[in-house]
Protein backbone atom coordinates (compact mmCIF):
# COMPACT_ATOMS: atom_id res chain seq x y z
CA MET A 1 0.00 0.00 0.00
CA ASN A 2 1.47 3.36 -0.96
CA ILE A 3 1.67 6.30 1.45
CA SER A 4 -1.26 8.24 -0.07
CA LYS A 5 -3.62 5.28 0.17
CA ARG A 6 -2.48 4.55 3.72
CA PHE A 7 -3.09 8.21 4.61
CA LEU A 8 -6.61 8.07 3.19
CA CYS A 9 -7.36 4.93 5.15
CA LEU A 10 -6.30 6.69 8.31
CA ILE A 11 -8.23 9.92 7.82
CA CYS A 12 -11.43 8.57 6.24
CA PRO A 13 -12.84 7.32 9.57
CA LEU A 14 -12.05 10.71 11.10
CA ILE A 15 -13.85 12.53 8.28
CA ALA A 16 -16.84 10.23 8.60
CA ALA A 17 -17.00 10.86 12.33
CA ALA A 18 -16.88 14.62 11.79
CA ILE A 19 -19.66 14.82 9.19
CA PRO A 20 -22.56 14.69 11.68
CA PHE A 21 -21.06 17.67 13.48
CA ILE A 22 -21.47 19.94 10.46
CA VAL A 23 -24.79 21.72 10.06
CA ALA A 24 -26.28 23.93 7.38
CA SER A 25 -24.78 27.06 8.93
CA GLY A 26 -21.30 25.58 8.66
CA GLN A 27 -20.86 25.60 12.45
CA PRO A 28 -19.70 22.34 14.06
CA ARG A 29 -21.81 20.96 16.88
CA PRO A 30 -22.80 17.62 18.36
CA SER A 31 -25.01 15.85 15.87
CA ARG A 32 -27.50 15.06 18.64
CA LEU A 33 -27.84 18.52 20.19
CA ILE A 34 -31.40 19.82 20.29
CA SER A 35 -31.79 22.57 17.72
CA LEU A 36 -34.29 23.99 15.29
CA HIS A 37 -34.87 21.65 12.38
CA PRO A 38 -32.93 23.07 9.41
CA GLU A 39 -35.69 22.16 6.94
CA ASN A 40 -38.59 23.39 9.06
CA PRO A 41 -37.62 25.55 12.07
CA HIS A 42 -41.13 25.34 13.50
CA TYR A 43 -39.93 21.99 14.88
CA PHE A 44 -36.91 20.58 16.67
CA LEU A 45 -34.11 18.34 15.51
CA TRP A 46 -32.73 16.19 18.32
CA ARG A 47 -30.30 13.33 18.13
CA GLY A 48 -30.70 13.31 14.39
CA LYS A 49 -34.51 13.03 14.43
CA PRO A 50 -37.36 15.52 13.87
CA THR A 51 -38.83 16.12 17.33
CA ILE A 52 -41.93 17.53 19.00
CA LEU A 53 -41.77 17.88 22.78
CA ILE A 54 -44.87 16.69 24.66
CA THR A 55 -45.00 16.09 28.40
CA SER A 56 -46.92 16.25 31.65
CA GLY A 57 -44.29 17.22 34.20
CA GLU A 58 -43.95 18.08 37.88
CA HIS A 59 -44.05 21.64 39.20
CA TYR A 60 -40.44 22.54 38.40
CA GLY A 61 -38.87 21.63 41.76
CA ALA A 62 -37.08 18.45 40.74
CA VAL A 63 -33.59 19.90 41.24
CA LEU A 64 -34.07 22.68 43.80
CA ASN A 65 -36.07 20.50 46.25
CA LEU A 66 -33.67 18.16 48.03
CA ASP A 67 -36.52 15.91 49.13
CA PHE A 68 -37.65 15.19 45.57
CA ASP A 69 -36.30 11.94 44.12
CA TYR A 70 -36.03 12.73 40.43
CA ILE A 71 -35.06 9.25 39.28
CA PRO A 72 -38.57 7.73 39.57
CA TYR A 73 -39.93 10.97 38.11
CA LEU A 74 -37.78 10.67 35.01
CA ASP A 75 -38.48 6.93 34.84
CA THR A 76 -42.22 7.67 34.77
CA LEU A 77 -41.89 10.20 31.95
CA ALA A 78 -39.79 7.75 29.95
CA LYS A 79 -42.23 4.91 30.58
CA ASP A 80 -45.07 7.12 29.36
CA ARG A 81 -42.93 8.07 26.32
CA LEU A 82 -43.02 11.74 27.24
CA ASN A 83 -39.89 13.59 26.24
CA SER A 84 -39.60 16.88 28.12
CA ALA A 85 -39.20 18.28 31.63
CA ARG A 86 -39.13 21.86 32.89
CA ILE A 87 -37.09 22.91 35.92
CA PHE A 88 -36.52 26.08 37.92
CA THR A 89 -33.00 26.83 39.11
CA GLY A 90 -33.59 27.63 42.79
CA VAL A 91 -33.35 31.39 42.44
CA TYR A 92 -37.11 31.33 43.05
CA ALA A 93 -39.22 29.13 45.32
CA GLU A 94 -42.77 29.20 46.62
CA THR A 95 -44.41 29.10 50.03
CA VAL A 96 -46.62 26.27 51.20
CA GLY A 97 -50.11 26.93 49.87
CA SER A 98 -49.07 29.19 47.00
CA PHE A 99 -51.74 29.15 44.25
CA LYS A 100 -53.70 26.63 46.40
CA ILE A 101 -51.22 23.90 45.45
CA ILE A 102 -51.00 21.00 47.89
CA ASN A 103 -47.75 19.00 48.04
CA ASN A 104 -46.02 21.59 45.87
CA THR A 105 -42.54 20.47 44.81
CA LEU A 106 -41.63 24.11 44.26
CA ALA A 107 -42.16 24.77 47.99
CA PRO A 108 -39.35 22.84 49.72
CA ALA A 109 -39.44 22.12 53.42
CA PRO A 110 -37.34 24.41 55.65
CA ASN A 111 -33.63 24.22 54.78
CA ARG A 112 -34.33 21.80 51.90
CA LEU A 113 -33.90 24.39 49.14
CA ILE A 114 -30.71 23.94 47.16
CA CYS A 115 -29.67 26.65 44.74
CA PRO A 116 -26.62 27.80 42.77
CA TRP A 117 -25.31 29.94 45.65
CA ALA A 118 -23.52 28.46 48.64
CA ARG A 119 -24.89 28.90 52.13
CA SER A 120 -23.01 30.97 54.67
CA GLY A 121 -24.53 30.12 58.00
CA ASN A 122 -28.25 30.81 57.73
CA LYS A 123 -27.81 32.97 54.64
CA PHE A 124 -26.41 32.72 51.12
CA ASP A 125 -23.22 34.10 49.64
CA LEU A 126 -23.94 35.28 46.10
CA THR A 127 -20.22 35.29 45.27
CA LYS A 128 -19.76 31.57 45.94
CA TRP A 129 -21.22 28.53 44.18
CA ASP A 130 -22.70 25.44 45.80
CA ASP A 131 -20.91 22.46 44.23
CA ASP A 132 -23.59 20.07 45.50
CA TYR A 133 -26.20 22.02 43.59
CA PHE A 134 -24.33 21.86 40.31
CA ASN A 135 -23.62 18.15 40.82
CA ARG A 136 -27.34 17.64 41.28
CA LEU A 137 -28.20 19.80 38.27
CA ARG A 138 -25.76 18.02 35.98
CA ASP A 139 -26.92 14.62 37.20
CA PHE A 140 -30.58 15.47 36.60
CA VAL A 141 -29.86 16.62 33.07
CA ALA A 142 -27.68 13.57 32.38
CA LYS A 143 -30.27 11.14 33.74
CA ALA A 144 -32.96 12.88 31.68
CA GLY A 145 -30.82 12.56 28.57
CA GLU A 146 -30.30 8.86 29.18
CA ARG A 147 -34.09 8.48 29.16
CA GLY A 148 -34.69 10.53 26.02
CA ILE A 149 -35.93 13.62 27.85
CA VAL A 150 -35.15 17.23 26.93
CA VAL A 151 -34.83 19.67 29.84
CA GLU A 152 -36.04 23.26 29.75
CA VAL A 153 -33.89 25.14 32.28
CA ASN A 154 -35.90 28.15 33.35
CA LEU A 155 -33.41 30.61 34.78
CA PHE A 156 -35.61 33.13 36.59
CA CYS A 157 -39.18 33.74 37.73
CA PRO A 158 -40.91 36.89 38.99
CA PHE A 159 -42.02 37.04 42.60
CA TYR A 160 -45.80 37.04 42.56
CA GLU A 161 -46.11 37.80 46.26
CA ASP A 162 -43.95 39.35 48.95
CA SER A 163 -43.80 35.99 50.72
CA MET A 164 -42.05 34.47 47.70
CA TRP A 165 -39.56 37.33 47.51
CA GLY A 166 -38.93 36.75 51.19
CA LEU A 167 -37.61 33.25 50.39
CA SER A 168 -35.18 34.23 47.65
CA PRO A 169 -31.40 34.18 48.20
CA MET A 170 -31.35 37.49 46.30
CA ASN A 171 -33.36 39.20 49.04
CA ILE A 172 -31.04 41.25 51.28
CA GLN A 173 -32.48 39.46 54.30
CA ASN A 174 -31.17 36.15 52.93
CA ASN A 175 -27.66 37.00 51.67
CA ILE A 176 -24.45 38.30 53.20
CA ASN A 177 -23.61 40.54 50.25
CA ASN A 178 -25.69 43.58 51.22
CA VAL A 179 -27.62 43.53 47.94
CA GLY A 180 -31.30 43.10 47.11
CA ALA A 181 -32.81 45.77 49.35
CA VAL A 182 -35.61 46.36 46.85
CA GLU A 183 -39.26 45.65 46.28
CA ARG A 184 -40.06 42.39 44.51
CA THR A 185 -41.19 44.31 41.41
CA SER A 186 -37.71 45.84 40.96
CA VAL A 187 -35.64 42.65 41.09
CA TYR A 188 -35.55 42.06 37.33
CA THR A 189 -34.70 45.52 36.07
CA LEU A 190 -31.49 47.09 34.79
CA ASP A 191 -31.49 50.13 37.05
CA LYS A 192 -33.54 49.38 40.17
CA SER A 193 -32.39 45.93 41.28
CA GLY A 194 -30.28 47.04 44.22
CA GLY A 195 -27.04 45.54 42.93
CA LEU A 196 -28.52 42.21 41.86
CA LEU A 197 -27.95 42.45 38.10
CA GLN A 198 -24.31 41.39 38.25
CA PHE A 199 -25.21 38.29 40.23
CA GLN A 200 -28.07 37.44 37.88
CA GLU A 201 -25.73 37.62 34.91
CA ALA A 202 -23.08 35.60 36.73
CA VAL A 203 -25.44 32.78 37.68
CA THR A 204 -26.72 32.65 34.11
CA ARG A 205 -23.19 32.22 32.77
CA LYS A 206 -22.35 29.65 35.43
CA ILE A 207 -25.36 27.43 34.67
CA VAL A 208 -24.73 27.57 30.93
CA ALA A 209 -21.08 26.69 31.49
CA GLU A 210 -21.91 23.77 33.79
CA LEU A 211 -24.26 22.19 31.23
CA LYS A 212 -22.11 22.85 28.16
CA ASP A 213 -21.62 19.14 27.45
CA SER A 214 -25.34 18.32 27.48
CA ASP A 215 -27.26 17.71 24.27
CA ASN A 216 -30.74 17.81 25.84
CA VAL A 217 -30.98 21.35 27.24
CA TYR A 218 -32.39 24.70 26.21
CA TYR A 219 -32.67 27.84 28.33
CA GLU A 220 -35.73 29.93 29.08
CA ILE A 221 -34.93 33.46 30.21
CA CYS A 222 -37.76 33.95 32.69
CA ASN A 223 -41.03 32.31 33.59
CA GLU A 224 -44.04 34.61 33.10
CA PRO A 225 -42.05 37.87 32.86
CA TYR A 226 -45.28 39.73 32.18
CA PHE A 227 -45.91 39.61 35.94
CA GLY A 228 -43.94 41.15 38.77
CA GLY A 229 -42.19 44.08 37.10
CA VAL A 230 -39.82 42.17 34.80
CA THR A 231 -38.68 44.54 32.07
CA MET A 232 -38.04 43.67 28.44
CA GLU A 233 -34.64 45.36 28.63
CA TRP A 234 -33.64 43.04 31.46
CA GLN A 235 -34.80 39.98 29.49
CA ARG A 236 -32.67 41.02 26.55
CA ARG A 237 -29.72 41.49 28.90
CA ILE A 238 -30.08 37.93 30.19
CA ALA A 239 -30.37 36.63 26.62
CA ASP A 240 -27.10 38.44 25.90
CA ALA A 241 -25.55 36.78 28.95
CA ILE A 242 -26.54 33.35 27.63
CA ILE A 243 -25.01 34.23 24.27
CA ASP A 244 -21.83 35.47 25.92
CA ALA A 245 -21.55 32.37 28.10
CA GLN A 246 -21.46 30.13 25.04
CA LYS A 247 -19.49 32.39 22.71
CA ASP A 248 -16.58 29.95 22.69
CA PHE A 249 -18.75 26.84 22.37
CA PRO A 250 -18.53 25.16 18.95
CA TYR A 251 -22.34 24.84 19.15
CA LYS A 252 -25.12 27.03 20.53
CA PHE A 253 -27.95 26.13 22.89
CA LEU A 254 -31.46 27.29 22.09
CA ILE A 255 -32.96 30.21 23.99
CA SER A 256 -36.65 30.45 24.88
CA GLN A 257 -38.70 33.47 25.83
CA ASN A 258 -42.03 33.19 27.63
CA ILE A 259 -44.26 35.68 25.77
CA ALA A 260 -47.73 35.74 27.33
CA ASN A 261 -50.61 33.85 28.84
CA GLY A 262 -53.01 32.90 26.07
CA SER A 263 -51.74 34.57 22.92
CA GLN A 264 -50.00 37.73 21.77
CA LYS A 265 -48.40 39.01 18.60
CA ILE A 266 -44.64 39.16 19.13
CA ILE A 267 -42.99 42.48 18.30
CA ASN A 268 -39.25 42.92 17.70
CA PRO A 269 -37.99 39.68 19.29
CA HIS A 270 -34.40 39.21 20.33
CA PRO A 271 -32.68 37.65 17.29
CA ALA A 272 -31.16 34.87 19.39
CA VAL A 273 -34.50 33.64 20.74
CA SER A 274 -35.51 30.45 18.93
CA ILE A 275 -38.49 29.30 21.02
CA PHE A 276 -41.52 31.43 21.82
CA ASN A 277 -43.40 29.91 24.73
CA PHE A 278 -46.92 30.72 25.86
CA HIS A 279 -48.95 29.57 28.86
CA TYR A 280 -52.59 28.42 28.91
CA ALA A 281 -52.62 28.76 25.13
CA THR A 282 -56.15 27.66 24.37
CA PRO A 283 -57.39 28.24 21.75
CA PRO A 284 -53.95 28.05 20.10
CA ASP A 285 -54.14 31.46 18.41
CA ALA A 286 -50.53 32.18 19.44
CA VAL A 287 -49.27 29.77 16.78
CA ALA A 288 -50.93 31.41 13.80
CA LEU A 289 -50.17 34.92 15.08
CA ASN A 290 -46.44 34.19 15.20
CA TYR A 291 -45.95 31.43 12.63
CA ALA A 292 -44.20 33.77 10.21
CA PHE A 293 -41.20 34.08 12.54
CA ASN A 294 -40.21 30.52 11.55
CA ARG A 295 -39.42 29.52 15.11
CA VAL A 296 -40.80 26.97 17.53
CA ILE A 297 -44.03 28.01 19.23
CA GLY A 298 -44.68 26.26 22.55
CA ASP A 299 -47.37 25.93 25.20
CA ASN A 300 -45.05 25.11 28.09
CA GLU A 301 -47.45 25.49 31.01
CA THR A 302 -51.16 24.95 31.37
CA GLY A 303 -53.71 24.42 34.10
CA PHE A 304 -56.44 26.30 35.99
CA ARG A 305 -59.23 24.31 34.30
CA GLY A 306 -59.90 21.90 37.13
CA THR A 307 -58.40 18.51 37.87
CA GLY A 308 -60.00 16.59 35.01
CA ASP A 309 -58.10 15.29 32.01
CA GLU A 310 -60.23 16.31 29.05
CA ALA A 311 -59.45 20.05 29.05
CA TYR A 312 -55.70 19.43 28.98
CA ARG A 313 -55.86 16.58 26.50
CA MET A 314 -57.86 18.74 24.11
CA GLU A 315 -55.58 21.74 24.60
CA ALA A 316 -52.58 19.57 23.74
CA TRP A 317 -54.12 18.12 20.57
CA ASP A 318 -55.39 21.52 19.49
CA PHE A 319 -52.01 23.17 19.99
CA ILE A 320 -49.91 20.53 18.23
CA ILE A 321 -52.25 20.18 15.24
CA ALA A 322 -52.24 24.00 15.02
CA GLY A 323 -48.50 23.82 14.30
CA GLY A 324 -47.02 24.04 17.79
CA ALA A 325 -43.96 21.98 18.67
CA LEU A 326 -43.98 21.93 22.46
CA TYR A 327 -46.64 21.14 25.06
CA ASN A 328 -46.23 20.80 28.83
CA ASN A 329 -49.10 20.08 31.17
CA LEU A 330 -48.46 20.98 34.79
CA ASP A 331 -48.90 17.61 36.51
CA TYR A 332 -49.63 17.75 40.23
CA SER A 333 -49.65 13.96 40.64
CA PHE A 334 -45.86 14.22 41.07
CA THR A 335 -45.02 15.05 44.69
CA VAL A 336 -42.21 14.43 47.16
CA GLU A 337 -44.19 11.46 48.49
CA HIS A 338 -45.16 10.31 44.97
CA PRO A 339 -42.24 11.18 42.67
CA ASP A 340 -43.50 8.57 40.21
CA GLY A 341 -46.70 10.55 39.59
CA THR A 342 -49.09 8.25 41.41
CA TRP A 343 -50.85 10.74 43.69
CA ALA A 344 -54.42 10.23 42.55
CA GLU A 345 -56.50 12.10 45.14
CA LEU A 346 -56.03 15.62 43.86
CA PRO A 347 -58.43 17.96 45.73
CA ALA A 348 -60.92 19.86 43.59
CA THR A 349 -59.34 23.13 44.77
CA MET A 350 -56.07 22.35 42.98
CA PRO A 351 -55.26 24.66 40.04
CA GLY A 352 -54.70 21.78 37.65
CA GLY A 353 -54.66 18.04 37.15
CA GLY A 354 -52.42 15.34 35.82
CA GLY A 355 -51.81 11.67 36.45
CA ARG A 356 -51.45 8.34 34.73
CA VAL A 357 -54.53 8.59 32.53
CA LEU A 358 -53.66 12.00 31.12
CA ARG A 359 -50.06 10.99 30.52
CA ARG A 360 -51.24 7.97 28.53
CA GLN A 361 -53.47 10.23 26.47
CA LEU A 362 -50.57 12.59 25.76
CA ARG A 363 -48.52 9.58 24.67
CA ILE A 364 -51.27 8.82 22.14
CA LEU A 365 -50.86 12.34 20.77
CA GLN A 366 -47.08 11.89 20.56
CA ASP A 367 -47.51 8.56 18.74
CA PHE A 368 -50.06 10.10 16.40
CA ILE A 369 -47.98 13.10 15.36
CA SER A 370 -44.74 11.10 15.22
CA GLY A 371 -46.40 8.78 12.72
CA PHE A 372 -46.32 11.62 10.19
CA ASP A 373 -43.41 13.23 8.40
CA PHE A 374 -44.49 16.42 10.15
CA ILE A 375 -41.47 18.38 8.94
CA ARG A 376 -43.25 18.46 5.55
CA MET A 377 -46.55 19.60 7.06
CA LYS A 378 -48.00 22.96 8.04
CA PRO A 379 -51.24 24.23 9.60
CA ASP A 380 -53.74 24.51 6.75
CA ASN A 381 -57.37 24.85 7.79
CA GLU A 382 -58.26 25.94 4.26
CA VAL A 383 -58.52 22.27 3.28
CA ILE A 384 -61.65 22.17 5.47
CA MET A 385 -64.37 23.23 3.06
CA SER A 386 -67.59 22.48 4.90
CA GLY A 387 -69.21 20.84 7.87
CA LEU A 388 -69.29 21.02 11.68
CA PRO A 389 -72.08 22.46 13.80
CA GLY A 390 -71.29 25.44 16.00
CA ALA A 391 -70.47 23.28 19.02
CA LEU A 392 -67.42 21.79 17.30
CA THR A 393 -64.12 23.03 15.92
CA ALA A 394 -61.78 21.39 13.41
CA ARG A 395 -58.09 21.91 12.78
CA ALA A 396 -55.75 20.53 10.10
CA LEU A 397 -52.00 19.98 9.82
CA VAL A 398 -51.31 19.12 6.21
CA GLU A 399 -48.90 18.16 3.47
CA ARG A 400 -51.34 18.64 0.60
CA GLY A 401 -51.97 15.57 -1.46
CA LYS A 402 -49.91 13.36 0.85
CA ALA A 403 -50.75 13.60 4.55
CA TYR A 404 -53.55 15.08 6.66
CA ALA A 405 -53.82 15.26 10.45
CA ILE A 406 -57.31 16.45 11.35
CA TYR A 407 -58.52 17.12 14.88
CA VAL A 408 -62.17 17.72 15.81
CA ARG A 409 -63.27 18.71 19.30
CA THR A 410 -66.06 20.28 21.31
CA LEU A 411 -65.62 23.88 22.40
CA PRO A 412 -63.27 24.48 25.35
CA PRO A 413 -64.89 24.32 28.78
CA PRO A 414 -64.95 27.55 30.78
CA LYS A 415 -62.15 28.13 33.27
CA GLN A 416 -62.22 25.79 36.28
CA SER A 417 -65.33 24.00 34.96
CA SER A 418 -63.68 20.62 34.55
CA THR A 419 -63.34 18.26 37.49
CA ARG A 420 -61.70 14.87 37.74
CA ASN A 421 -65.07 13.10 37.64
CA SER A 422 -66.79 15.26 35.04
CA GLU A 423 -68.75 13.69 32.19
CA GLU A 424 -67.44 14.11 28.67
CA SER A 425 -69.79 15.27 25.96
CA THR A 426 -70.94 12.56 23.58
CA ILE A 427 -71.40 13.54 19.94
CA GLN A 428 -74.29 11.24 19.08
CA VAL A 429 -74.29 12.02 15.36
CA GLY A 430 -70.79 12.14 13.97
CA PRO A 431 -70.16 15.25 11.85
CA VAL A 432 -69.43 15.21 8.16
CA LEU A 433 -66.40 17.24 7.23
CA GLY A 434 -65.78 18.36 3.67
CA LEU A 435 -62.08 18.16 2.86
CA GLU A 436 -60.41 19.48 -0.26
CA LEU A 437 -58.28 16.69 -1.74
CA PRO A 438 -56.42 16.32 -5.01
CA PRO A 439 -57.17 13.16 -6.98
CA GLY A 440 -55.65 9.98 -5.63
CA CYS A 441 -56.00 6.91 -3.47
CA TYR A 442 -56.15 7.63 0.27
CA SER A 443 -56.15 5.68 3.50
CA ALA A 444 -58.09 7.22 6.40
CA GLU A 445 -58.16 6.20 10.06
CA TRP A 446 -60.29 7.75 12.80
CA ILE A 447 -58.42 7.64 16.12
CA ASP A 448 -59.90 7.59 19.62
CA THR A 449 -57.79 10.22 21.43
CA LYS A 450 -58.43 8.55 24.79
CA SER A 451 -57.46 4.97 23.92
CA GLY A 452 -55.45 5.32 20.73
CA ASP A 453 -57.69 2.76 19.05
CA VAL A 454 -58.57 3.00 15.37
CA ILE A 455 -62.35 3.14 15.53
CA LYS A 456 -62.95 3.43 11.80
CA HIS A 457 -60.88 2.82 8.68
CA ALA A 458 -61.50 3.63 5.04
CA ARG A 459 -59.54 3.27 1.83
CA PHE A 460 -60.90 5.19 -1.11
CA LYS A 461 -60.14 6.72 -4.49
CA HIS A 462 -60.94 10.38 -4.87
CA SER A 463 -61.38 12.15 -8.19
CA ALA A 464 -61.47 15.87 -7.32
CA GLY A 465 -63.05 18.54 -5.11
CA ALA A 466 -64.40 17.96 -1.63
CA TRP A 467 -64.31 14.54 0.03
CA GLN A 468 -66.96 13.96 2.67
CA ALA A 469 -65.24 12.65 5.79
CA LYS A 470 -67.96 10.99 7.83
CA PHE A 471 -66.92 10.85 11.46
CA PRO A 472 -68.16 8.14 13.83
CA ASP A 473 -69.81 9.04 17.12
CA PHE A 474 -67.27 10.19 19.72
CA LYS A 475 -66.87 11.81 23.11
CA ASN A 476 -65.44 15.33 23.20
CA ASP A 477 -62.76 14.87 20.53
CA ILE A 478 -61.48 12.65 17.75
CA ALA A 479 -58.59 12.62 15.29
CA LEU A 480 -58.37 11.65 11.63
CA ARG A 481 -55.14 10.33 10.16
CA MET A 482 -55.11 10.31 6.38
CA ARG A 483 -52.35 9.54 3.92
CA LEU A 484 -51.91 8.91 0.24
CA CYS A 485 -51.97 5.18 -0.40
CA GLU A 486 -48.52 3.64 -0.54
CA ASP A 487 -49.32 1.30 -3.43
């Protein structure tokens, strides 16, 4: 073998190994890092696969609450084939009884809060890091990654009440650094934070640096910044801190911004923000309003419609078929005593639901949407030409002439109307939906959103114009999966 051939034999494996690290932008990065899909940035690409994040997760205390065993929590999500978790960093915590939540994981017992800053006696030192915290954070993210779970690391949260501000290490009463002598509504500002801004930027950089080797993380600037005096200028400053922290990384982590409850048209977004998250986004108007930005639109917190399952199941289906790529139900069945999500006796006063049944139903949604080549699809209600009485709505995610995901549901229940034992509405006479289809042979399956069963199947040849999709009877909601015949 001559020298040139021997050289090629040596370098070819190296070249092959490097190819997955090259992306469309020309920047090297781990081939498995979660990113926007280069062909359709309304969705994610993770570990080489198009990805939609759907979950029903605990109330964000998995890392900051030392009494919460996150291994059975992550095992439960993985068993239910849910692929996302949202955590708070420990900069914010809640008091027992906040928002009428019982067994709140975000309200640790006394002295059981762990956060990025080290304790100094009974207070915190904002100039020193707690190694145990970062070991716990890295381990949580690593264990989530092993189970196929993406972690949203939410860096900050406004203080809704003075009692919550009273718990924060940033409050002057709780640190030795003589900073944070401000009202709770001034904490997240550039000019009124009482010396806290430098520590907020530093903890942002530290967290990003500690998780630099993870492929299953993205960062949200602040939970619900539209409450508690959080300014847009401060949010942009934290986004800049995230960017600066990873300036030397050969790859870049995604940044999320929480925009509004419900929906809102985004104006002048930070160019580095790739995920626009909304809360309680039903109906999913936020997707259509902001679809033109070509970024992921998420519904990363929902609740306050009782403890029943149907409201949250329908919100999830509605949002994903509308073109969203992220859904997170706030699941109160996960507690310190039940980290596997088995607490079933949620009081009617709780601000949300969750549990095994709902998680199974969300898995059905994940299986349904993953069965499509959704990267090629887009929200397209114009294919719906006729049908539906006023009590029903229909939504379509479509690759015209090839694939159709149709979702039909009853109107959303009013706030807090749904209870765990509520009756679902039965549609006694299935609606007929007129769908615009090009000529071809199609296979259609009507899916029970509660069981995943195919309750009706049809194979037909269509010539032109509207096809009359005759739905079977159903309770509350139903999905139609339709594709061009393969043969």
